[in-house]
């Protein structure tokens, strides 16, 4: 059995599809696939594997046959990734019974949104063949994989092996040391203690956090700290812009998709910023969350101080994928009005209680711990 977990806008197009029961589970080795509708011309369905984030694009129409046609599309894409025929035959056989269910993993939904944005960028660059586009997207380093330097194609090779070249290139960054567990919190090194105020641009009242971090930390660690302080889920791509230079996770194939080219993991904070410095941290190139970072002060190194730390802040972080600052403002209007026709739907979409005025600094350490588990390849969910 294959369980396809579709977004509401896709399920609305597949109302006659067999529904998965509460106890139904995929019997395929790759597990569930998530799917959504892209209203391009012609319309397209994007399928993303829950375990590896491998994307598969297939024409949506005719919707009545989509769940049958996607099986061949998945097999075709997996074959291009170098998987052996024995695996493909077994996987295709296990997919004989396809059932449709709602999404149940916000992490994968976030990845689908990121891949949708990346796909639209590539279409603008002339990549329109759906198989070619699927293979191209599989090379994108996604938020949940960035600490391991992984993209979906490498995650697939690591999970099931590959007859192609991918089996020889794992890990992508073997020189990157495994992160220490959260129980071994680092103390301050020789870079001084940087006090950063990070403000989410365009939010009214402003959403901001104040963090303390060792100045010798590299920018990839600064990214993790900002994510944990705000409560972002690291679904999407990110970058820093400091004095006109972009830093982030470089594209391993040097494709010109507007991604940063300077590797953030090689750059210490104290080498590009000092007291009074200002720079930009951007997260999710679709929603385009821009954070203004100010180095308020640099304190002397203190070996007794446990770093990093989140010491102050105001208001709750916007939910992922709510549409940027404009979408967040509209969301708050809907949530504030119980009589609004979308009030119940938006509460269900968030999936948890949401008080925009609440900030709890005690969540920082737990968020950082979950990020470290993900970096170790352990699913924290």
Foldseek 3Di string as FASTA:
>chain_A
DEEEAEAPQLCVLAVVFAADDPPDWQPALQTYWYWYWDVDVPIKIWIAGPQQRQIAIDRCPPVPCVLVVVLVRVLVLVVVLADDPVSNVVRSVSSPRYHYHHDDDVLSVLLVVQLVVLLVLVVVVPPDDRSVSSNVQQLDQWQLRVLQPHGSSLSVCVRRNGPDPSVVCPPVCPVDDQDDALVCFAAADQQFKWWKKKWWPPDVVIWIWIKIAHQQQFVVVVVLLVCLQQVPPRGGFKWKAAPNAIEGSARPVPDPSVDHHHHRRVHGNSVRDFAQGWIWIWTRPQLTTIMIMHRPHTHGGDRVDGDIATDDIWWHHADPPQRHSVSSVVLVVLCVDPPPPCNVVSCVVSVDDHDRGDHDRVSSSVSSNCSSCSSVVHHPD
